Protein backbone atom coordinates (compact mmCIF):
# COMPACT_ATOMS: atom_id res chain seq x y z
CA MET A 1 -0.11 0.24 -0.11
CA THR A 2 1.15 3.58 -0.96
CA ILE A 3 1.32 5.97 1.74
CA LYS A 4 1.52 9.46 0.97
CA LEU A 5 2.75 12.14 3.50
CA ASP A 6 0.40 15.07 2.24
CA GLU A 7 -1.82 17.54 3.70
CA VAL A 8 -4.43 14.94 3.95
CA LEU A 9 -2.62 13.06 6.19
CA PHE A 10 -1.13 15.93 8.11
CA HIS A 11 -4.73 17.20 8.89
CA GLN A 12 -5.75 13.77 10.22
CA LEU A 13 -2.42 13.56 12.70
CA LEU A 14 -3.03 16.88 13.60
CA LEU A 15 -6.76 16.06 14.30
CA LYS A 16 -5.97 13.17 16.52
CA ALA A 17 -2.89 14.96 18.58
CA GLY A 18 -5.44 17.68 19.23
CA ASP A 19 -7.47 14.90 20.90
CA SER A 20 -4.75 13.30 22.73
CA LEU A 21 -3.75 14.17 25.86
CA ARG A 22 -0.11 13.89 24.98
CA LYS A 23 -0.93 16.41 22.15
CA ARG A 24 0.68 14.27 19.53
CA SER A 25 -0.11 11.33 17.45
CA HIS A 26 2.15 9.12 14.96
CA LEU A 27 1.37 6.75 11.94
CA ASN A 28 3.57 3.74 11.74
CA ILE A 29 4.75 3.64 7.95
CA HIS A 30 6.84 0.29 8.74
CA LYS A 31 4.57 -2.69 8.71
CA ASP A 32 6.44 -4.74 11.29
CA PHE A 33 8.38 -3.62 14.44
CA ASN A 34 11.20 -6.06 13.20
CA GLU A 35 11.69 -4.13 9.65
CA PRO A 36 15.14 -2.79 9.08
CA VAL A 37 14.14 0.43 8.89
CA GLN A 38 11.64 1.97 11.36
CA ARG A 39 9.65 5.00 9.75
CA LEU A 40 6.82 7.14 11.59
CA CYS A 41 5.07 10.18 10.54
CA ILE A 42 4.29 12.21 14.01
CA GLY A 43 1.54 15.43 14.50
CA MET A 44 2.64 17.50 17.46
CA LYS A 45 0.59 20.44 19.13
CA LYS A 46 2.11 23.11 20.69
CA GLY A 47 2.41 22.16 24.36
CA THR A 48 3.35 18.39 23.88
CA TYR A 49 6.07 17.21 26.02
CA VAL A 50 8.63 14.64 24.94
CA ARG A 51 10.70 13.74 27.81
CA PRO A 52 14.38 14.22 27.12
CA HIS A 53 15.90 10.47 26.21
CA HIS A 54 18.35 8.92 24.33
CA HIS A 55 18.73 5.68 22.44
CA PRO A 56 21.96 3.85 23.99
CA ALA A 57 22.19 1.31 21.46
CA ARG A 58 24.99 1.76 19.02
CA ASN A 59 22.89 1.35 15.96
CA LYS A 60 20.02 3.78 17.24
CA TRP A 61 20.74 6.86 15.19
CA GLU A 62 17.81 8.80 14.61
CA LEU A 63 16.73 10.97 11.86
CA ILE A 64 14.30 13.62 12.15
CA ILE A 65 12.85 15.52 9.10
CA VAL A 66 10.29 18.24 9.91
CA LEU A 67 7.51 18.37 6.82
CA LYS A 68 5.58 20.97 8.41
CA GLY A 69 6.00 23.83 10.94
CA LYS A 70 8.78 24.66 12.93
CA LEU A 71 10.21 22.92 16.17
CA ALA A 72 13.01 23.17 18.41
CA LEU A 73 15.60 20.54 19.28
CA LEU A 74 17.38 20.54 22.19
CA ILE A 75 20.76 18.45 23.16
CA PHE A 76 22.04 17.76 26.37
CA ASP A 77 24.96 16.16 28.13
CA SER A 78 24.28 13.28 30.44
CA GLN A 79 23.65 15.76 33.42
CA GLY A 80 21.05 17.95 31.92
CA VAL A 81 23.12 20.70 30.48
CA VAL A 82 22.07 22.02 27.19
CA THR A 83 24.65 21.39 24.65
CA GLU A 84 22.72 22.43 21.54
CA ARG A 85 19.86 24.26 20.32
CA ILE A 86 18.65 23.99 17.05
CA VAL A 87 15.51 25.27 15.17
CA LEU A 88 14.36 22.96 12.10
CA GLY A 89 11.49 23.43 9.90
CA GLN A 90 10.02 25.35 6.89
CA GLY A 91 12.08 28.52 6.14
CA GLU A 92 15.29 27.56 8.59
CA VAL A 93 18.60 26.70 7.47
CA LEU A 94 17.65 23.33 8.74
CA SER A 95 14.87 21.01 8.07
CA ALA A 96 16.28 17.90 9.11
CA ILE A 97 19.01 16.35 11.50
CA GLU A 98 20.63 12.76 11.92
CA LEU A 99 21.30 12.38 15.72
CA PRO A 100 24.18 9.81 16.51
CA ALA A 101 23.02 6.94 18.95
CA ASN A 102 23.09 7.67 22.68
CA THR A 103 22.33 11.48 22.30
CA TRP A 104 20.20 13.09 24.97
CA HIS A 105 17.64 15.26 23.29
CA THR A 106 14.06 16.35 23.22
CA VAL A 107 11.94 18.17 20.61
CA PHE A 108 8.83 20.42 20.94
CA PRO A 109 7.06 22.27 18.35
CA LEU A 110 7.49 26.27 18.09
CA THR A 111 4.96 26.41 15.98
CA ASP A 112 1.05 25.79 16.94
CA GLU A 113 1.30 22.75 14.64
CA ALA A 114 4.29 20.55 13.49
CA ILE A 115 4.57 17.51 11.52
CA ILE A 116 8.14 15.29 11.87
CA LEU A 117 8.91 12.10 9.81
CA GLU A 118 11.34 9.98 12.14
CA VAL A 119 13.65 7.20 10.62
CA LYS A 120 15.82 4.87 12.66
CA GLU A 121 17.58 1.42 12.60
CA GLY A 122 15.24 -1.20 13.31
CA PRO A 123 14.08 -3.62 14.80
CA TYR A 124 12.06 -1.51 17.35
CA ILE A 125 12.95 -1.95 20.71
CA PRO A 126 10.67 -0.38 23.77
CA ALA A 127 12.36 2.19 25.54
CA GLU A 128 13.59 1.23 29.29
CA PRO A 129 13.11 3.62 32.21
CA SER A 130 16.89 4.20 32.06
CA ASP A 131 16.33 5.21 28.35
CA PHE A 132 14.48 8.45 29.84
CA ALA A 133 16.40 11.53 31.44
CA SER A 134 16.40 11.44 35.41
CA TRP A 135 16.79 14.95 35.37
CA ALA A 136 13.86 15.69 33.55
CA PRO A 137 10.22 15.36 35.03
CA GLU A 138 7.84 12.12 33.88
CA GLU A 139 5.06 12.60 31.46
CA ASN A 140 1.88 13.67 33.13
CA THR A 141 3.23 15.05 36.20
CA PRO A 142 2.65 18.52 37.47
CA GLU A 143 6.52 19.53 36.95
CA VAL A 144 6.17 19.43 33.27
CA GLU A 145 4.54 22.87 32.43
CA GLY A 146 7.61 24.47 34.68
CA PHE A 147 10.23 22.35 32.53
CA LEU A 148 8.26 23.08 29.17
CA SER A 149 8.65 26.74 30.10
CA TRP A 150 12.20 26.53 30.79
CA LEU A 151 12.88 24.38 27.37
CA ALA A 152 11.35 27.21 25.44
CA HIS A 153 14.18 29.67 26.81
CA ALA A 154 16.74 27.14 27.57
CA LYS A 155 20.33 27.85 25.91
CA PRO A 156 23.36 26.38 25.49
CA GLY A 157 25.41 25.98 28.82
CA GLN A 158 22.23 26.35 30.98
CA SER A 159 21.17 23.20 33.28
CA CYS A 160 17.78 21.61 33.55
CA ALA A 161 18.33 22.09 37.32
CA GLN A 162 17.55 25.94 36.35
CA ALA A 163 14.39 24.80 35.54
CA SER A 164 11.48 25.85 38.05
CA ILE A 165 9.96 22.37 38.67
C-alpha cells in the first residue's frame, strides 16, 4: 500500500493530536516492528512534552525531518546541560538532522502545529526507564509545565537544574 505524506494525512494526524492528552499522534509507516528501518510520521501540537531521552544502542541513530511547521531540538549532556539548541523547519537553515546513538535530546513545536518524519534503524526496541533522563520530569506530572517553560528559553550552557519544576 502506498502511503502519501500529504496535507490529508497531516490534517488527520493533527486532529488526533488535538484530541490526545499527549498532544501528539503518530502513524507507523513500517509494517512490522522487526523491519530494519523504522519510519513514523508524528503530528505534534504546541505544548506536547517529549521527555528528554536517548537511544543507547550503538545502531540507534535517529533522523528527524520536519515536514510542516517548526520545532526546537535541544541536545543535552548526561547531566542535563544544554549543549545545542537547533531550530528545524520550513524557512529555517535546517529542516532535518541525524542524531548519533546515545544523544540526549528532546523536541517541541515552536509553531502551533508541527509534523515530523522520524527514521531510525530497526528492529523496534521499547524504551527502558533508563532511556529517559532522570533529571527531567516524567510525563503527566505537575512539574512538566515548568520544565516546558524552561525548555522554551533554555540556551547552551544552561542546566535543567535551573528549571523551575
